[in-house]
């Protein structure tokens, strides 16, 4: 059985900290992110088995109340998502680079799951809203055809609703650029 991930965005930092604490006390989940983000919001991301994540998220929604901006649960999330969210993915070679920008932090995580499930790519990072005006983005690598396929899957899955604000595929990115990104 795969893991699930719960995503909660609030419009209050104190309410976010309190909510994160209650979510962790409510169920056996792992805290991936509990952090203020731009513009003055708070993002909480937890992972664990389906029942624990649902229980934790239900508690979070009750505690946060009117401070909730958005929330989402991804069941059977791709195994690479937690490491990409916390920035611990190890990448040794960047054959081509895919970058997708999203309208919100939580959408970036959803896009990462779509991309990783759609094609043979390696998620490098999912960056959520820190210094991004509330937006998110993800970067991934693989063979050019795989990267193009992952971008297309994200556009098909999220683009129509306007949640994808930009994207690119860079075949054979310059070594200096790769060094800066890693």
C-alpha atoms as a PDB file:
ATOM      1  CA  UNK A   1       0.000   0.000   0.000  1.00  0.00           C
ATOM      2  CA  UNK A   2       1.376   3.412  -0.967  1.00  0.00           C
ATOM      3  CA  UNK A   3       1.641   6.527   1.087  1.00  0.00           C
ATOM      4  CA  UNK A   4      -0.638   9.517   0.982  1.00  0.00           C
ATOM      5  CA  UNK A   5       0.208  13.155   1.294  1.00  0.00           C
ATOM      6  CA  UNK A   6      -1.955  15.881   2.792  1.00  0.00           C
ATOM      7  CA  UNK A   7      -1.551  19.510   1.801  1.00  0.00           C
ATOM      8  CA  UNK A   8      -3.047  22.427   3.711  1.00  0.00           C
ATOM      9  CA  UNK A   9      -2.584  26.145   3.040  1.00  0.00           C
ATOM     10  CA  UNK A  10      -3.737  28.780   5.538  1.00  0.00           C
ATOM     11  CA  UNK A  11      -3.896  32.570   5.491  1.00  0.00           C
ATOM     12  CA  UNK A  12      -2.569  32.970   9.038  1.00  0.00           C
ATOM     13  CA  UNK A  13       0.860  32.061  10.369  1.00  0.00           C
ATOM     14  CA  UNK A  14      -0.186  31.635  14.053  1.00  0.00           C
ATOM     15  CA  UNK A  15      -3.185  29.540  12.972  1.00  0.00           C
ATOM     16  CA  UNK A  16      -0.839  27.526  10.735  1.00  0.00           C
ATOM     17  CA  UNK A  17       1.553  26.694  13.559  1.00  0.00           C
ATOM     18  CA  UNK A  18      -1.305  25.725  15.874  1.00  0.00           C
ATOM     19  CA  UNK A  19      -2.936  23.644  13.132  1.00  0.00           C
ATOM     20  CA  UNK A  20       0.311  21.796  12.339  1.00  0.00           C
ATOM     21  CA  UNK A  21       0.705  20.873  15.995  1.00  0.00           C
ATOM     22  CA  UNK A  22      -2.846  19.540  16.237  1.00  0.00           C
ATOM     23  CA  UNK A  23      -2.489  17.604  12.977  1.00  0.00           C
ATOM     24  CA  UNK A  24       0.624  15.841  14.277  1.00  0.00           C
ATOM     25  CA  UNK A  25      -1.078  15.019  17.571  1.00  0.00           C
ATOM     26  CA  UNK A  26      -4.179  13.662  15.800  1.00  0.00           C
ATOM     27  CA  UNK A  27      -2.525  10.900  13.767  1.00  0.00           C
ATOM     28  CA  UNK A  28       0.715   9.080  13.062  1.00  0.00           C
ATOM     29  CA  UNK A  29       1.909  11.220  10.133  1.00  0.00           C
ATOM     30  CA  UNK A  30       5.297  12.571   9.125  1.00  0.00           C
ATOM     31  CA  UNK A  31       5.619  16.338   8.874  1.00  0.00           C
ATOM     32  CA  UNK A  32       7.305  17.245   5.579  1.00  0.00           C
ATOM     33  CA  UNK A  33       6.667  20.999   5.617  1.00  0.00           C
ATOM     34  CA  UNK A  34       5.291  23.469   8.139  1.00  0.00           C
ATOM     35  CA  UNK A  35       6.423  26.861   7.002  1.00  0.00           C
ATOM     36  CA  UNK A  36       5.379  30.447   6.346  1.00  0.00           C
ATOM     37  CA  UNK A  37       5.226  31.211   2.647  1.00  0.00           C
ATOM     38  CA  UNK A  38       4.637  34.250   0.488  1.00  0.00           C
ATOM     39  CA  UNK A  39       2.456  36.277   0.716  1.00  0.00           C
ATOM     40  CA  UNK A  40       1.983  35.779   4.469  1.00  0.00           C
ATOM     41  CA  UNK A  41       0.475  32.301   4.278  1.00  0.00           C
ATOM     42  CA  UNK A  42       1.377  29.031   5.981  1.00  0.00           C
ATOM     43  CA  UNK A  43       1.757  25.649   4.278  1.00  0.00           C
ATOM     44  CA  UNK A  44       1.543  22.282   6.013  1.00  0.00           C
ATOM     45  CA  UNK A  45       2.383  19.023   4.233  1.00  0.00           C
ATOM     46  CA  UNK A  46       2.119  15.663   5.975  1.00  0.00           C
ATOM     47  CA  UNK A  47       2.605  12.115   4.728  1.00  0.00           C
ATOM     48  CA  UNK A  48       1.675   8.675   5.961  1.00  0.00           C
ATOM     49  CA  UNK A  49      -0.808   5.906   5.357  1.00  0.00           C
ATOM     50  CA  UNK A  50      -4.187   6.846   3.890  1.00  0.00           C
ATOM     51  CA  UNK A  51      -6.167   6.660   7.142  1.00  0.00           C
ATOM     52  CA  UNK A  52      -3.638   8.647   9.156  1.00  0.00           C
ATOM     53  CA  UNK A  53      -3.391  11.407   6.549  1.00  0.00           C
ATOM     54  CA  UNK A  54      -7.187  11.668   6.287  1.00  0.00           C
ATOM     55  CA  UNK A  55      -7.503  11.862  10.066  1.00  0.00           C
ATOM     56  CA  UNK A  56      -4.733  14.455  10.337  1.00  0.00           C
ATOM     57  CA  UNK A  57      -6.240  16.539   7.532  1.00  0.00           C
ATOM     58  CA  UNK A  58      -9.742  16.408   9.067  1.00  0.00           C
ATOM     59  CA  UNK A  59      -8.276  17.711  12.321  1.00  0.00           C
ATOM     60  CA  UNK A  60      -6.340  20.375  10.432  1.00  0.00           C
ATOM     61  CA  UNK A  61      -9.445  21.584   8.607  1.00  0.00           C
ATOM     62  CA  UNK A  62     -11.402  21.784  11.873  1.00  0.00           C
ATOM     63  CA  UNK A  63      -8.662  23.639  13.755  1.00  0.00           C
ATOM     64  CA  UNK A  64      -7.867  26.043  10.892  1.00  0.00           C
ATOM     65  CA  UNK A  65     -11.526  26.860  10.192  1.00  0.00           C
ATOM     66  CA  UNK A  66     -11.901  30.101   8.290  1.00  0.00           C
ATOM     67  CA  UNK A  67      -8.134  30.416   7.816  1.00  0.00           C
ATOM     68  CA  UNK A  68      -8.054  27.593   5.221  1.00  0.00           C
ATOM     69  CA  UNK A  69      -7.089  28.809   1.744  1.00  0.00           C
ATOM     70  CA  UNK A  70      -6.884  25.395   0.068  1.00  0.00           C
ATOM     71  CA  UNK A  71      -6.354  21.747   0.862  1.00  0.00           C
ATOM     72  CA  UNK A  72      -5.800  18.508  -0.988  1.00  0.00           C
ATOM     73  CA  UNK A  73      -5.005  14.858  -0.305  1.00  0.00           C
ATOM     74  CA  UNK A  74      -3.110  12.765  -2.837  1.00  0.00           C
ATOM     75  CA  UNK A  75      -3.561   9.060  -2.167  1.00  0.00           C
ATOM     76  CA  UNK A  76      -0.868   6.677  -3.400  1.00  0.00           C
ATOM     77  CA  UNK A  77       1.440   9.587  -4.099  1.00  0.00           C
ATOM     78  CA  UNK A  78       4.523   8.827  -6.202  1.00  0.00           C
ATOM     79  CA  UNK A  79       7.358   7.664  -3.954  1.00  0.00           C
ATOM     80  CA  UNK A  80       9.658  10.508  -5.081  1.00  0.00           C
ATOM     81  CA  UNK A  81       7.363  13.321  -3.896  1.00  0.00           C
ATOM     82  CA  UNK A  82       8.409  13.556  -0.209  1.00  0.00           C
ATOM     83  CA  UNK A  83      12.125  13.860  -1.054  1.00  0.00           C
ATOM     84  CA  UNK A  84      11.420  16.429  -3.796  1.00  0.00           C
ATOM     85  CA  UNK A  85       9.295  18.523  -1.405  1.00  0.00           C
ATOM     86  CA  UNK A  86      11.984  18.634   1.279  1.00  0.00           C
ATOM     87  CA  UNK A  87      14.793  19.082  -1.277  1.00  0.00           C
ATOM     88  CA  UNK A  88      16.753  15.902  -0.581  1.00  0.00           C
ATOM     89  CA  UNK A  89      16.625  14.266  -4.014  1.00  0.00           C
ATOM     90  CA  UNK A  90      20.068  13.326  -5.263  1.00  0.00           C
ATOM     91  CA  UNK A  91      20.543  13.841  -8.977  1.00  0.00           C
ATOM     92  CA  UNK A  92      23.808  12.838 -10.638  1.00  0.00           C
ATOM     93  CA  UNK A  93      23.059  13.735 -14.260  1.00  0.00           C
ATOM     94  CA  UNK A  94      20.724  16.223 -15.915  1.00  0.00           C
ATOM     95  CA  UNK A  95      20.178  15.028 -19.485  1.00  0.00           C
ATOM     96  CA  UNK A  96      17.326  17.468 -20.088  1.00  0.00           C
ATOM     97  CA  UNK A  97      15.416  19.772 -17.784  1.00  0.00           C
ATOM     98  CA  UNK A  98      11.701  20.267 -17.340  1.00  0.00           C
ATOM     99  CA  UNK A  99      10.362  23.197 -15.341  1.00  0.00           C
ATOM    100  CA  UNK A 100       6.722  23.833 -14.497  1.00  0.00           C
ATOM    101  CA  UNK A 101       5.469  26.912 -12.658  1.00  0.00           C
ATOM    102  CA  UNK A 102       2.138  26.728 -10.844  1.00  0.00           C
ATOM    103  CA  UNK A 103      -0.299  29.282  -9.487  1.00  0.00           C
ATOM    104  CA  UNK A 104      -0.022  27.910  -5.943  1.00  0.00           C
ATOM    105  CA  UNK A 105       2.270  25.941  -3.684  1.00  0.00           C
ATOM    106  CA  UNK A 106      -0.086  23.011  -3.368  1.00  0.00           C
ATOM    107  CA  UNK A 107      -0.560  22.752  -7.125  1.00  0.00           C
ATOM    108  CA  UNK A 108       3.205  22.308  -7.524  1.00  0.00           C
ATOM    109  CA  UNK A 109       3.029  19.139  -5.413  1.00  0.00           C
ATOM    110  CA  UNK A 110       0.067  17.860  -7.423  1.00  0.00           C
ATOM    111  CA  UNK A 111       1.971  18.602 -10.664  1.00  0.00           C
ATOM    112  CA  UNK A 112       5.011  16.718  -9.359  1.00  0.00           C
ATOM    113  CA  UNK A 113       2.869  13.668  -8.681  1.00  0.00           C
ATOM    114  CA  UNK A 114       1.329  13.837 -12.163  1.00  0.00           C
ATOM    115  CA  UNK A 115       4.740  14.247 -13.832  1.00  0.00           C
ATOM    116  CA  UNK A 116       6.376  11.417 -11.896  1.00  0.00           C
ATOM    117  CA  UNK A 117       3.519   9.005 -12.581  1.00  0.00           C
ATOM    118  CA  UNK A 118       3.259   9.943 -16.274  1.00  0.00           C
ATOM    119  CA  UNK A 119       6.825   9.440 -17.386  1.00  0.00           C
ATOM    120  CA  UNK A 120      10.262   8.118 -16.509  1.00  0.00           C
ATOM    121  CA  UNK A 121      11.644  11.307 -14.965  1.00  0.00           C
ATOM    122  CA  UNK A 122      13.503  12.161 -11.779  1.00  0.00           C
ATOM    123  CA  UNK A 123      12.027  14.970  -9.718  1.00  0.00           C
ATOM    124  CA  UNK A 124      14.821  17.302  -8.684  1.00  0.00           C
ATOM    125  CA  UNK A 125      12.822  19.671  -6.502  1.00  0.00           C
ATOM    126  CA  UNK A 126       9.336  20.918  -5.769  1.00  0.00           C
ATOM    127  CA  UNK A 127       9.630  24.473  -4.470  1.00  0.00           C
ATOM    128  CA  UNK A 128       6.635  25.866  -2.698  1.00  0.00           C
ATOM    129  CA  UNK A 129       5.985  29.582  -2.427  1.00  0.00           C
ATOM    130  CA  UNK A 130       9.083  30.700  -0.503  1.00  0.00           C
ATOM    131  CA  UNK A 131      10.097  33.931  -2.197  1.00  0.00           C
ATOM    132  CA  UNK A 132       7.753  33.182  -5.093  1.00  0.00           C
ATOM    133  CA  UNK A 133       4.707  35.332  -4.344  1.00  0.00           C
ATOM    134  CA  UNK A 134       2.633  32.281  -3.461  1.00  0.00           C
ATOM    135  CA  UNK A 135       3.516  30.345  -6.607  1.00  0.00           C
ATOM    136  CA  UNK A 136       5.278  27.018  -6.781  1.00  0.00           C
ATOM    137  CA  UNK A 137       7.490  25.278  -9.290  1.00  0.00           C
ATOM    138  CA  UNK A 138       9.058  21.934  -9.934  1.00  0.00           C
ATOM    139  CA  UNK A 139      12.115  20.797 -11.815  1.00  0.00           C
ATOM    140  CA  UNK A 140      12.772  17.348 -13.180  1.00  0.00           C
ATOM    141  CA  UNK A 141      15.197  15.574 -15.449  1.00  0.00           C
ATOM    142  CA  UNK A 142      15.310  12.574 -17.746  1.00  0.00           C
ATOM    143  CA  UNK A 143      15.567  11.861 -21.437  1.00  0.00           C
ATOM    144  CA  UNK A 144      14.072  14.645 -23.571  1.00  0.00           C
ATOM    145  CA  UNK A 145      11.082  12.565 -24.673  1.00  0.00           C
ATOM    146  CA  UNK A 146      10.284  11.627 -21.061  1.00  0.00           C
ATOM    147  CA  UNK A 147      10.562  15.223 -19.886  1.00  0.00           C
ATOM    148  CA  UNK A 148       8.313  16.421 -22.724  1.00  0.00           C
ATOM    149  CA  UNK A 149       5.795  13.691 -21.871  1.00  0.00           C
ATOM    150  CA  UNK A 150       5.762  14.709 -18.181  1.00  0.00           C
ATOM    151  CA  UNK A 151       5.218  18.383 -19.054  1.00  0.00           C
ATOM    152  CA  UNK A 152       2.397  17.442 -21.415  1.00  0.00           C
ATOM    153  CA  UNK A 153       0.732  15.306 -18.719  1.00  0.00           C
ATOM    154  CA  UNK A 154       0.829  18.230 -16.283  1.00  0.00           C
ATOM    155  CA  UNK A 155      -0.623  20.606 -18.855  1.00  0.00           C
ATOM    156  CA  UNK A 156      -3.373  18.104 -19.658  1.00  0.00           C
ATOM    157  CA  UNK A 157      -4.108  17.513 -15.978  1.00  0.00           C
ATOM    158  CA  UNK A 158      -3.876  21.058 -14.615  1.00  0.00           C
ATOM    159  CA  UNK A 159      -3.482  23.505 -17.506  1.00  0.00           C
ATOM    160  CA  UNK A 160      -7.116  23.940 -18.440  1.00  0.00           C
ATOM    161  CA  UNK A 161      -7.967  25.275 -14.979  1.00  0.00           C
ATOM    162  CA  UNK A 162      -5.202  27.882 -15.229  1.00  0.00           C
ATOM    163  CA  UNK A 163      -3.093  26.294 -12.490  1.00  0.00           C
ATOM    164  CA  UNK A 164      -0.004  26.028 -14.743  1.00  0.00           C
ATOM    165  CA  UNK A 165       1.456  29.500 -15.282  1.00  0.00           C
ATOM    166  CA  UNK A 166       4.539  28.529 -17.271  1.00  0.00           C
ATOM    167  CA  UNK A 167       6.677  25.630 -18.422  1.00  0.00           C
ATOM    168  CA  UNK A 168       9.749  24.783 -20.454  1.00  0.00           C
ATOM    169  CA  UNK A 169      11.820  21.841 -21.619  1.00  0.00           C
ATOM    170  CA  UNK A 170      15.556  22.374 -22.028  1.00  0.00           C
ATOM    171  CA  UNK A 171      17.438  19.611 -23.870  1.00  0.00           C
ATOM    172  CA  UNK A 172      21.068  19.351 -22.691  1.00  0.00           C
ATOM    173  CA  UNK A 173      21.104  22.321 -20.285  1.00  0.00           C
ATOM    174  CA  UNK A 174      24.425  24.143 -19.885  1.00  0.00           C
ATOM    175  CA  UNK A 175      26.642  22.743 -17.103  1.00  0.00           C
ATOM    176  CA  UNK A 176      26.837  26.127 -15.326  1.00  0.00           C
ATOM    177  CA  UNK A 177      23.044  26.336 -15.180  1.00  0.00           C
ATOM    178  CA  UNK A 178      22.789  22.794 -13.823  1.00  0.00           C
ATOM    179  CA  UNK A 179      25.383  23.624 -11.149  1.00  0.00           C
ATOM    180  CA  UNK A 180      23.314  26.640 -10.033  1.00  0.00           C
ATOM    181  CA  UNK A 181      20.094  24.640  -9.907  1.00  0.00           C
ATOM    182  CA  UNK A 182      21.551  21.857  -7.789  1.00  0.00           C
END
